C-alpha atoms as a PDB file:
ATOM      1  CA  UNK A   1     269.452 212.127 157.959  1.00  0.00           C
ATOM      2  CA  UNK A   2     272.786 212.698 156.277  1.00  0.00           C
ATOM      3  CA  UNK A   3     273.530 209.063 155.473  1.00  0.00           C
ATOM      4  CA  UNK A   4     271.694 206.330 153.598  1.00  0.00           C
ATOM      5  CA  UNK A   5     271.269 204.396 156.851  1.00  0.00           C
ATOM      6  CA  UNK A   6     267.609 203.770 157.541  1.00  0.00           C
ATOM      7  CA  UNK A   7     266.070 204.777 160.825  1.00  0.00           C
ATOM      8  CA  UNK A   8     263.769 202.677 162.964  1.00  0.00           C
ATOM      9  CA  UNK A   9     263.101 199.349 161.247  1.00  0.00           C
ATOM     10  CA  UNK A  10     264.592 195.919 160.811  1.00  0.00           C
ATOM     11  CA  UNK A  11     264.024 192.884 158.596  1.00  0.00           C
ATOM     12  CA  UNK A  12     261.461 191.472 161.025  1.00  0.00           C
ATOM     13  CA  UNK A  13     259.272 194.541 160.374  1.00  0.00           C
ATOM     14  CA  UNK A  14     259.417 193.975 156.616  1.00  0.00           C
ATOM     15  CA  UNK A  15     258.653 190.286 157.106  1.00  0.00           C
ATOM     16  CA  UNK A  16     255.621 191.144 159.273  1.00  0.00           C
ATOM     17  CA  UNK A  17     254.168 193.333 156.505  1.00  0.00           C
ATOM     18  CA  UNK A  18     254.895 190.776 153.773  1.00  0.00           C
ATOM     19  CA  UNK A  19     253.053 188.088 155.763  1.00  0.00           C
ATOM     20  CA  UNK A  20     249.801 190.087 155.563  1.00  0.00           C
ATOM     21  CA  UNK A  21     249.011 188.896 152.040  1.00  0.00           C
ATOM     22  CA  UNK A  22     249.892 186.808 149.046  1.00  0.00           C
ATOM     23  CA  UNK A  23     249.877 189.530 146.391  1.00  0.00           C
ATOM     24  CA  UNK A  24     252.251 192.463 146.008  1.00  0.00           C
ATOM     25  CA  UNK A  25     251.945 195.597 143.903  1.00  0.00           C
ATOM     26  CA  UNK A  26     254.744 198.115 143.897  1.00  0.00           C
ATOM     27  CA  UNK A  27     255.457 201.474 142.320  1.00  0.00           C
ATOM     28  CA  UNK A  28     257.156 204.805 142.813  1.00  0.00           C
ATOM     29  CA  UNK A  29     256.469 208.490 142.336  1.00  0.00           C
ATOM     30  CA  UNK A  30     258.450 211.692 142.721  1.00  0.00           C
ATOM     31  CA  UNK A  31     257.866 215.381 143.291  1.00  0.00           C
ATOM     32  CA  UNK A  32     259.963 218.481 143.769  1.00  0.00           C
ATOM     33  CA  UNK A  33     257.494 220.810 145.493  1.00  0.00           C
ATOM     34  CA  UNK A  34     255.765 220.085 148.788  1.00  0.00           C
ATOM     35  CA  UNK A  35     252.461 221.290 147.360  1.00  0.00           C
ATOM     36  CA  UNK A  36     252.476 218.326 144.945  1.00  0.00           C
ATOM     37  CA  UNK A  37     253.254 215.525 147.378  1.00  0.00           C
ATOM     38  CA  UNK A  38     249.699 214.605 148.422  1.00  0.00           C
ATOM     39  CA  UNK A  39     248.528 214.459 144.808  1.00  0.00           C
ATOM     40  CA  UNK A  40     251.525 212.297 143.906  1.00  0.00           C
ATOM     41  CA  UNK A  41     250.776 209.938 146.797  1.00  0.00           C
ATOM     42  CA  UNK A  42     247.094 209.631 145.843  1.00  0.00           C
ATOM     43  CA  UNK A  43     247.841 208.925 142.170  1.00  0.00           C
ATOM     44  CA  UNK A  44     250.312 206.204 143.135  1.00  0.00           C
ATOM     45  CA  UNK A  45     247.919 204.700 145.684  1.00  0.00           C
ATOM     46  CA  UNK A  46     245.135 204.593 143.077  1.00  0.00           C
ATOM     47  CA  UNK A  47     247.407 202.723 140.663  1.00  0.00           C
ATOM     48  CA  UNK A  48     248.478 200.187 143.293  1.00  0.00           C
ATOM     49  CA  UNK A  49     245.202 199.675 145.147  1.00  0.00           C
ATOM     50  CA  UNK A  50     243.868 196.190 144.424  1.00  0.00           C
ATOM     51  CA  UNK A  51     241.446 196.030 147.329  1.00  0.00           C
ATOM     52  CA  UNK A  52     241.911 196.101 151.090  1.00  0.00           C
ATOM     53  CA  UNK A  53     245.594 196.025 151.955  1.00  0.00           C
ATOM     54  CA  UNK A  54     246.937 193.866 154.727  1.00  0.00           C
ATOM     55  CA  UNK A  55     250.033 196.003 154.841  1.00  0.00           C
ATOM     56  CA  UNK A  56     252.099 198.650 153.079  1.00  0.00           C
ATOM     57  CA  UNK A  57     255.833 199.260 152.850  1.00  0.00           C
ATOM     58  CA  UNK A  58     256.652 202.933 152.234  1.00  0.00           C
ATOM     59  CA  UNK A  59     260.154 204.173 151.416  1.00  0.00           C
ATOM     60  CA  UNK A  60     260.536 207.968 151.276  1.00  0.00           C
ATOM     61  CA  UNK A  61     263.808 209.315 149.874  1.00  0.00           C
ATOM     62  CA  UNK A  62     264.731 212.969 150.250  1.00  0.00           C
ATOM     63  CA  UNK A  63     267.577 215.423 150.267  1.00  0.00           C
ATOM     64  CA  UNK A  64     269.344 217.494 152.891  1.00  0.00           C
ATOM     65  CA  UNK A  65     266.112 219.352 153.598  1.00  0.00           C
ATOM     66  CA  UNK A  66     264.281 216.161 154.701  1.00  0.00           C
ATOM     67  CA  UNK A  67     262.628 216.514 158.080  1.00  0.00           C
ATOM     68  CA  UNK A  68     260.493 214.577 160.523  1.00  0.00           C
ATOM     69  CA  UNK A  69     257.519 216.482 159.111  1.00  0.00           C
ATOM     70  CA  UNK A  70     257.980 214.412 155.919  1.00  0.00           C
ATOM     71  CA  UNK A  71     257.741 211.259 158.003  1.00  0.00           C
ATOM     72  CA  UNK A  72     254.656 212.567 159.822  1.00  0.00           C
ATOM     73  CA  UNK A  73     252.996 213.443 156.505  1.00  0.00           C
ATOM     74  CA  UNK A  74     253.716 209.948 155.152  1.00  0.00           C
ATOM     75  CA  UNK A  75     252.292 208.272 158.255  1.00  0.00           C
ATOM     76  CA  UNK A  76     249.158 210.452 157.955  1.00  0.00           C
ATOM     77  CA  UNK A  77     248.713 209.391 154.321  1.00  0.00           C
ATOM     78  CA  UNK A  78     249.083 205.720 155.204  1.00  0.00           C
ATOM     79  CA  UNK A  79     246.602 206.086 158.065  1.00  0.00           C
ATOM     80  CA  UNK A  80     244.112 207.763 155.723  1.00  0.00           C
ATOM     81  CA  UNK A  81     244.379 205.124 152.991  1.00  0.00           C
ATOM     82  CA  UNK A  82     244.768 201.913 154.999  1.00  0.00           C
ATOM     83  CA  UNK A  83     242.263 200.112 157.174  1.00  0.00           C
ATOM     84  CA  UNK A  84     242.948 200.273 160.899  1.00  0.00           C
ATOM     85  CA  UNK A  85     244.011 196.621 160.844  1.00  0.00           C
ATOM     86  CA  UNK A  86     246.587 197.174 158.064  1.00  0.00           C
ATOM     87  CA  UNK A  87     250.250 197.107 159.034  1.00  0.00           C
ATOM     88  CA  UNK A  88     252.328 200.119 157.987  1.00  0.00           C
ATOM     89  CA  UNK A  89     256.074 200.412 157.645  1.00  0.00           C
ATOM     90  CA  UNK A  90     257.385 203.853 156.736  1.00  0.00           C
ATOM     91  CA  UNK A  91     261.104 204.511 156.298  1.00  0.00           C
ATOM     92  CA  UNK A  92     262.973 207.679 155.326  1.00  0.00           C
ATOM     93  CA  UNK A  93     266.305 207.616 153.475  1.00  0.00           C
ATOM     94  CA  UNK A  94     268.457 210.732 153.384  1.00  0.00           C
ATOM     95  CA  UNK A  95     270.425 211.692 150.275  1.00  0.00           C
ATOM     96  CA  UNK A  96     272.373 214.861 151.109  1.00  0.00           C
ATOM     97  CA  UNK A  97     273.500 215.304 147.503  1.00  0.00           C
ATOM     98  CA  UNK A  98     269.919 215.697 146.214  1.00  0.00           C
ATOM     99  CA  UNK A  99     268.561 219.123 145.376  1.00  0.00           C
ATOM    100  CA  UNK A 100     266.207 220.866 147.779  1.00  0.00           C
ATOM    101  CA  UNK A 101     262.610 219.672 147.642  1.00  0.00           C
ATOM    102  CA  UNK A 102     263.172 216.465 145.695  1.00  0.00           C
ATOM    103  CA  UNK A 103     261.329 213.448 147.107  1.00  0.00           C
ATOM    104  CA  UNK A 104     260.910 209.926 145.759  1.00  0.00           C
ATOM    105  CA  UNK A 105     258.334 207.623 147.327  1.00  0.00           C
ATOM    106  CA  UNK A 106     258.234 203.880 146.771  1.00  0.00           C
ATOM    107  CA  UNK A 107     255.168 201.966 147.952  1.00  0.00           C
ATOM    108  CA  UNK A 108     254.544 198.247 148.118  1.00  0.00           C
ATOM    109  CA  UNK A 109     250.904 197.226 148.625  1.00  0.00           C
ATOM    110  CA  UNK A 110     250.462 193.778 150.209  1.00  0.00           C
ATOM    111  CA  UNK A 111     247.106 192.029 150.236  1.00  0.00           C
ATOM    112  CA  UNK A 112     244.930 189.247 148.962  1.00  0.00           C
ATOM    113  CA  UNK A 113     242.854 191.266 146.502  1.00  0.00           C
ATOM    114  CA  UNK A 114     242.322 190.141 142.954  1.00  0.00           C
ATOM    115  CA  UNK A 115     242.237 192.429 139.967  1.00  0.00           C
ATOM    116  CA  UNK A 116     240.292 191.421 136.862  1.00  0.00           C
ATOM    117  CA  UNK A 117     242.287 193.540 134.462  1.00  0.00           C
ATOM    118  CA  UNK A 118     245.889 194.576 134.846  1.00  0.00           C
ATOM    119  CA  UNK A 119     246.463 198.304 135.087  1.00  0.00           C
ATOM    120  CA  UNK A 120     249.212 199.707 132.893  1.00  0.00           C
ATOM    121  CA  UNK A 121     251.936 201.454 134.824  1.00  0.00           C
ATOM    122  CA  UNK A 122     252.551 205.130 134.126  1.00  0.00           C
ATOM    123  CA  UNK A 123     255.440 205.324 136.522  1.00  0.00           C
END
């Protein structure tokens, strides 16, 4: 986790998620204390959610203190918020120069849902 090299995915995985729908919504959130991460995830998900997702791309960036428990937490969140048929891709990037506790999560929702009114971004 000490380099910016991603672990465990390739372009075919991204392509598989992108093929699950015709609409994309993307956003990012950050937190610096573990106790705030679930709330940050839920606020971001609420802003992006435009109906049932066919798939989600999740990019979690963290510092030297990043651990597999961060990855497990992210997978649990995706499992909780996505239908069983939705395709999930979760990737962790390590940034050793970042301060302890800092996390940045980027999500891309992929689906066919339609929104009647655009939601302003607060990100």
